[in-house]
Amino acid sequence: MSDAELTVTVTGTVATVVIRNPARRNALTSAMWRQLPVLLDGLEADPAVRALVLTGADGTFCAGADLGDLDELLEAGDESIAVAAEERLAVFGKPTVAAIEGACVGGGCQLAVACDLRLAAADARFGVPPARLGLVYPALTTRRLARLVGPSATKHLLFTSELVDAERALRIGLVDEVLPAEALAARVAKVTSAIAERSRLTVAAAKEIIDGRADDARIAWWHGQVRASGEAREGVAAANERRPPRFGWTPPVLRDARPAEAFLRVHPEVADGSGRPVTPETSVRSSSTDHWS
């Protein structure tokens, strides 16, 4: 039985997805790439989940894609399961935080960039190695990286395939914060806790608008949600009364009662080679907050 897997825990309002493949420094196999969108679909449909943390097991984020699946990768090009998983993560309807230790290379960097925020330990190392392998980095992935760090830094990462340390990653905007490894878990918990306390309406609207996924009609819809929900009145009242706000807005239910199966009907690429769905591991709820360290 393979040790390569994605595991999920849900602690309070925060879900954590952990990348595990100890034999290959948490490189993602084809099955893991296929599994990720299904896991995300289920977590997005869970009303208790307010934020998502993506991390790697045993002090390593992810060393990339498992190149044992090279033929499949070459055949798919920009239509690969890796790109599909990256895009599913990027459009996940709740805030996402990559908690990065050790290697964050190739497919690992691809997923980290698709998250909303990236917090890194001081020992983190980042790299985009297609030029070492003779591959063309997917266009969607390349453009997303360029939006984050700018054209010049993107070219440097892609042209040279050099690894950059956490401090340089911070300077170019690849990560948002760098912390001692022993402080990373607490900081991630603090950030996700703060997000969970804020207005879900504000956060969801901001994510769509910042990511360029809200046209004028959608922005008008968001303003309508503010007026109809009473969210702003509650926020102002709480500020005036010097108390924590009790925000009540929840996103409309867009998926049916069996979210993984619904997603598979639209995205059959996340089924395994036999045509059977790759089902998500049952979420484990716990009182502990430090599941990913």
Protein backbone atom coordinates (compact mmCIF):
# COMPACT_ATOMS: atom_id res chain seq x y z
CA MET A 1 0.00 0.00 0.00
CA SER A 2 1.35 3.42 -0.98
CA ASP A 3 2.19 5.99 1.70
CA ALA A 4 1.37 8.79 -0.76
CA GLU A 5 -1.84 10.52 0.29
CA LEU A 6 -3.63 13.72 1.13
CA THR A 7 -5.08 13.82 4.63
CA VAL A 8 -7.66 16.21 6.02
CA THR A 9 -8.48 17.44 9.51
CA VAL A 10 -11.03 20.04 10.49
CA THR A 11 -10.42 21.84 13.76
CA GLY A 12 -13.15 24.27 14.68
CA THR A 13 -13.54 26.49 11.62
CA VAL A 14 -10.22 25.66 9.93
CA ALA A 15 -9.56 22.72 7.61
CA THR A 16 -6.01 21.47 7.06
CA VAL A 17 -4.96 19.45 4.03
CA VAL A 18 -1.61 17.71 4.47
CA ILE A 19 0.51 16.45 1.57
CA ARG A 20 2.20 13.14 2.49
CA ASN A 21 4.58 11.13 0.34
CA PRO A 22 7.60 10.44 2.57
CA ALA A 23 9.52 8.39 0.02
CA ARG A 24 9.58 11.33 -2.43
CA ARG A 25 9.69 14.42 -0.18
CA ASN A 26 5.94 14.83 -0.51
CA ALA A 27 5.94 14.89 -4.32
CA LEU A 28 2.39 14.68 -5.66
CA THR A 29 1.37 11.54 -7.53
CA SER A 30 -1.33 11.46 -10.20
CA ALA A 31 -3.77 10.04 -7.66
CA MET A 32 -3.03 12.90 -5.25
CA TRP A 33 -3.53 15.54 -7.94
CA ARG A 34 -6.88 13.90 -8.78
CA GLN A 35 -7.89 13.68 -5.14
CA LEU A 36 -7.28 17.34 -4.29
CA PRO A 37 -10.25 18.85 -6.18
CA VAL A 38 -12.60 16.33 -4.58
CA LEU A 39 -11.35 17.16 -1.11
CA LEU A 40 -11.69 20.86 -1.81
CA ASP A 41 -15.20 20.40 -3.11
CA GLY A 42 -16.27 18.72 0.11
CA LEU A 43 -14.58 21.31 2.31
CA GLU A 44 -16.09 24.18 0.35
CA ALA A 45 -19.55 22.70 0.92
CA ASP A 46 -18.96 22.29 4.68
CA PRO A 47 -20.58 25.33 6.34
CA ALA A 48 -18.40 24.90 9.44
CA VAL A 49 -15.18 25.50 7.48
CA ARG A 50 -14.17 29.16 7.27
CA ALA A 51 -10.54 28.83 6.10
CA LEU A 52 -8.19 26.23 4.65
CA VAL A 53 -4.53 25.51 5.41
CA LEU A 54 -2.43 23.56 2.90
CA THR A 55 0.86 22.13 4.14
CA GLY A 56 3.24 19.20 3.88
CA ALA A 57 4.12 16.47 6.34
CA ASP A 58 7.36 16.10 8.28
CA GLY A 59 8.91 19.51 7.62
CA THR A 60 8.64 19.49 3.82
CA PHE A 61 5.91 21.26 1.88
CA CYS A 62 6.14 19.49 -1.48
CA ALA A 63 9.04 18.65 -3.78
CA GLY A 64 6.91 18.81 -6.92
CA ALA A 65 5.13 16.32 -9.13
CA ASP A 66 6.14 12.67 -9.12
CA LEU A 67 7.97 12.37 -12.46
CA GLY A 68 7.15 8.69 -12.60
CA ASP A 69 3.98 10.01 -14.28
CA LEU A 70 5.94 11.88 -16.98
CA ASP A 71 4.16 10.34 -20.00
CA GLU A 72 0.78 11.42 -18.66
CA LEU A 73 2.16 14.91 -17.98
CA LEU A 74 3.59 15.27 -21.50
CA GLU A 75 0.41 14.07 -23.14
CA ALA A 76 -1.83 16.47 -21.21
CA GLY A 77 0.15 19.68 -21.62
CA ASP A 78 -1.84 22.62 -20.25
CA GLU A 79 -4.83 20.30 -19.71
CA SER A 80 -3.06 18.29 -17.04
CA ILE A 81 -4.61 17.14 -13.79
CA ALA A 82 -2.05 19.31 -11.99
CA VAL A 83 -3.39 22.45 -13.66
CA ALA A 84 -6.97 21.38 -12.93
CA ALA A 85 -6.11 20.89 -9.26
CA GLU A 86 -4.27 24.22 -9.11
CA GLU A 87 -7.23 26.07 -10.59
CA ARG A 88 -9.67 24.34 -8.22
CA LEU A 89 -7.54 25.52 -5.30
CA ALA A 90 -7.32 29.05 -6.70
CA VAL A 91 -11.10 29.40 -6.95
CA PHE A 92 -11.83 27.70 -3.61
CA GLY A 93 -14.60 29.77 -2.07
CA LYS A 94 -12.90 30.38 1.28
CA PRO A 95 -9.52 31.87 2.22
CA THR A 96 -6.56 29.56 1.74
CA VAL A 97 -3.18 29.70 3.50
CA ALA A 98 -0.08 27.74 2.46
CA ALA A 99 2.06 26.88 5.51
CA ILE A 100 5.47 26.16 4.04
CA GLU A 101 8.48 24.40 5.53
CA GLY A 102 11.42 22.95 3.65
CA ALA A 103 11.16 22.32 -0.09
CA CYS A 104 8.40 24.08 -2.03
CA VAL A 105 9.38 23.21 -5.58
CA GLY A 106 7.65 22.64 -8.91
CA GLY A 107 4.13 21.40 -8.28
CA GLY A 108 4.48 22.39 -4.65
CA CYS A 109 5.23 25.99 -5.60
CA GLN A 110 2.38 25.80 -8.11
CA LEU A 111 -0.08 24.98 -5.32
CA ALA A 112 1.39 27.50 -2.89
CA VAL A 113 0.99 30.29 -5.45
CA ALA A 114 -2.64 29.26 -5.96
CA CYS A 115 -3.33 29.91 -2.27
CA ASP A 116 -4.43 33.33 -1.05
CA LEU A 117 -1.64 33.69 1.52
CA ARG A 118 1.74 32.03 1.98
CA LEU A 119 3.48 31.85 5.36
CA ALA A 120 6.93 30.30 5.34
CA ALA A 121 9.43 28.96 7.83
CA ALA A 122 12.93 30.38 7.59
CA ASP A 123 14.20 27.06 6.19
CA ALA A 124 11.80 27.11 3.22
CA ARG A 125 13.24 26.89 -0.28
CA PHE A 126 11.36 27.68 -3.47
CA GLY A 127 11.98 26.69 -7.07
CA VAL A 128 10.30 26.39 -10.46
CA PRO A 129 12.37 23.78 -12.34
CA PRO A 130 10.83 23.18 -15.82
CA ALA A 131 13.95 24.53 -17.57
CA ARG A 132 15.98 21.76 -15.88
CA LEU A 133 13.57 19.20 -17.29
CA GLY A 134 12.80 20.53 -20.76
CA LEU A 135 9.15 21.19 -19.95
CA VAL A 136 6.93 24.18 -20.76
CA TYR A 137 5.40 25.54 -17.58
CA PRO A 138 1.59 25.75 -17.99
CA ALA A 139 0.39 29.11 -19.25
CA LEU A 140 -2.21 29.56 -16.52
CA THR A 141 0.39 28.72 -13.87
CA THR A 142 2.99 31.04 -15.39
CA ARG A 143 0.57 33.96 -15.53
CA ARG A 144 -0.55 33.39 -11.96
CA LEU A 145 3.06 33.45 -10.78
CA ALA A 146 3.74 36.61 -12.80
CA ARG A 147 0.75 38.37 -11.24
CA LEU A 148 2.12 37.53 -7.82
CA VAL A 149 5.83 38.37 -8.15
CA GLY A 150 6.00 40.36 -11.41
CA PRO A 151 7.41 39.51 -14.84
CA SER A 152 11.11 39.89 -13.99
CA ALA A 153 11.08 37.66 -10.91
CA THR A 154 8.98 35.11 -12.79
CA LYS A 155 11.49 35.05 -15.64
CA HIS A 156 14.36 34.62 -13.20
CA LEU A 157 12.66 31.68 -11.49
CA LEU A 158 11.76 30.03 -14.80
CA PHE A 159 14.91 30.81 -16.79
CA THR A 160 17.40 29.73 -14.11
CA SER A 161 15.48 27.06 -12.15
CA GLU A 162 17.45 28.29 -9.14
CA LEU A 163 16.22 27.68 -5.64
CA VAL A 164 15.53 30.83 -3.65
CA ASP A 165 15.53 31.04 0.11
CA ALA A 166 12.69 32.31 2.27
CA GLU A 167 14.11 35.82 2.69
CA ARG A 168 14.42 36.33 -1.04
CA ALA A 169 10.94 34.85 -1.53
CA LEU A 170 9.68 37.48 0.90
CA ARG A 171 11.46 40.29 -0.97
CA ILE A 172 9.97 39.36 -4.33
CA GLY A 173 6.48 38.83 -2.92
CA LEU A 174 6.38 35.07 -3.29
CA VAL A 175 5.54 34.72 0.42
CA ASP A 176 3.80 37.08 2.83
CA GLU A 177 5.68 36.31 6.05
CA VAL A 178 8.80 34.40 7.14
CA LEU A 179 9.00 33.01 10.65
CA PRO A 180 11.22 30.70 12.68
CA ALA A 181 10.09 27.14 12.06
CA GLU A 182 8.98 26.74 15.65
CA ALA A 183 6.72 29.82 15.38
CA LEU A 184 5.02 28.95 12.11
CA ALA A 185 2.18 26.82 13.49
CA ALA A 186 1.14 29.44 16.02
CA ARG A 187 1.22 32.22 13.43
CA VAL A 188 -0.86 30.21 10.95
CA ALA A 189 -3.37 29.47 13.70
CA LYS A 190 -3.54 33.17 14.60
CA VAL A 191 -4.06 34.28 10.98
CA THR A 192 -6.75 31.69 10.24
CA SER A 193 -8.49 32.46 13.54
CA ALA A 194 -8.59 36.15 12.65
CA ILE A 195 -10.01 35.35 9.21
CA ALA A 196 -12.68 33.12 10.74
CA GLU A 197 -13.85 35.97 12.99
CA ARG A 198 -14.32 38.44 10.15
CA SER A 199 -17.36 38.93 7.94
CA ARG A 200 -17.58 36.02 5.53
CA LEU A 201 -19.35 38.33 3.09
CA THR A 202 -16.49 40.85 3.08
CA VAL A 203 -13.84 38.14 2.76
CA ALA A 204 -15.62 36.26 -0.04
CA ALA A 205 -16.30 39.42 -2.02
CA ALA A 206 -12.73 40.65 -1.59
CA LYS A 207 -11.31 37.34 -2.79
CA GLU A 208 -13.40 37.37 -5.96
CA ILE A 209 -12.67 41.01 -6.73
CA ILE A 210 -8.91 40.81 -6.06
CA ASP A 211 -8.63 37.65 -8.16
CA GLY A 212 -10.42 39.35 -11.08
CA ARG A 213 -13.38 36.97 -11.04
CA ALA A 214 -16.13 39.54 -10.35
CA ASP A 215 -17.61 41.55 -13.22
CA ASP A 216 -19.78 44.63 -12.71
CA ALA A 217 -22.94 42.55 -12.26
CA ARG A 218 -21.27 40.37 -9.66
CA ILE A 219 -19.95 43.39 -7.75
CA ALA A 220 -23.47 44.84 -7.74
CA TRP A 221 -24.71 41.50 -6.40
CA TRP A 222 -22.19 41.69 -3.55
CA HIS A 223 -23.38 45.17 -2.62
CA GLY A 224 -26.93 43.84 -2.66
CA GLN A 225 -25.86 41.12 -0.24
CA VAL A 226 -24.51 43.79 2.13
CA ARG A 227 -27.83 45.65 2.09
CA ALA A 228 -29.97 42.53 2.46
CA SER A 229 -27.90 40.76 5.10
CA GLY A 230 -27.57 43.51 7.71
CA GLU A 231 -23.87 42.61 7.93
CA ALA A 232 -22.67 46.21 7.82
CA ARG A 233 -25.23 47.37 10.39
CA GLU A 234 -24.04 44.63 12.75
CA GLY A 235 -20.40 45.55 12.20
CA VAL A 236 -21.00 49.25 12.91
CA ALA A 237 -23.19 48.49 15.94
CA ALA A 238 -20.54 46.18 17.36
CA ALA A 239 -17.86 48.84 16.90
CA ASN A 240 -20.00 51.46 18.62
CA GLU A 241 -20.85 49.11 21.47
CA ARG A 242 -17.25 47.92 21.81
CA ARG A 243 -18.12 44.24 21.43
CA PRO A 244 -17.20 41.51 18.95
CA PRO A 245 -19.50 41.52 15.91
CA ARG A 246 -21.92 38.67 15.38
CA PHE A 247 -21.78 38.35 11.62
CA GLY A 248 -24.45 36.03 10.27
CA TRP A 249 -24.07 36.00 6.48
CA THR A 250 -23.45 32.62 4.89
CA PRO A 251 -22.79 31.97 1.20
CA PRO A 252 -25.67 30.63 -0.88
CA VAL A 253 -25.66 26.85 -1.28
CA LEU A 254 -24.44 26.21 -4.79
CA ARG A 255 -23.88 22.46 -4.62
CA ASP A 256 -26.13 19.51 -3.91
CA ALA A 257 -26.02 17.30 -0.82
CA ARG A 258 -23.34 15.07 -2.32
CA PRO A 259 -20.68 17.65 -3.27
CA ALA A 260 -17.91 15.23 -4.31
CA GLU A 261 -20.19 13.37 -6.72
CA ALA A 262 -21.54 16.64 -8.11
CA PHE A 263 -18.03 17.88 -8.80
CA LEU A 264 -17.12 14.59 -10.50
CA ARG A 265 -20.02 14.93 -12.91
CA VAL A 266 -18.56 18.23 -14.09
CA HIS A 267 -14.89 17.21 -13.79
CA PRO A 268 -14.48 13.53 -14.69
CA GLU A 269 -10.70 14.03 -14.77
CA VAL A 270 -10.64 13.66 -10.99
CA ALA A 271 -11.79 10.04 -11.19
CA ASP A 272 -9.06 7.42 -11.06
CA GLY A 273 -8.04 5.26 -14.00
CA SER A 274 -10.85 2.79 -13.32
CA GLY A 275 -13.47 5.50 -13.65
CA ARG A 276 -14.32 5.32 -9.95
CA PRO A 277 -14.30 8.54 -7.93
CA VAL A 278 -11.30 9.23 -5.74
CA THR A 279 -13.26 9.78 -2.52
CA PRO A 280 -12.07 12.23 0.12
CA GLU A 281 -10.90 10.94 3.45
CA THR A 282 -13.43 11.56 6.19
CA SER A 283 -12.64 14.80 7.97
CA VAL A 284 -11.53 14.37 11.57
CA ARG A 285 -12.64 17.04 14.02
CA SER A 286 -10.32 17.63 16.94
CA SER A 287 -9.67 20.14 19.68
CA SER A 288 -6.01 20.47 18.66
CA THR A 289 -4.98 23.26 16.29
CA ASP A 290 -1.48 22.04 15.40
CA HIS A 291 -2.17 19.26 12.91
CA TRP A 292 0.27 20.17 10.21
CA SER A 293 3.55 20.62 12.07
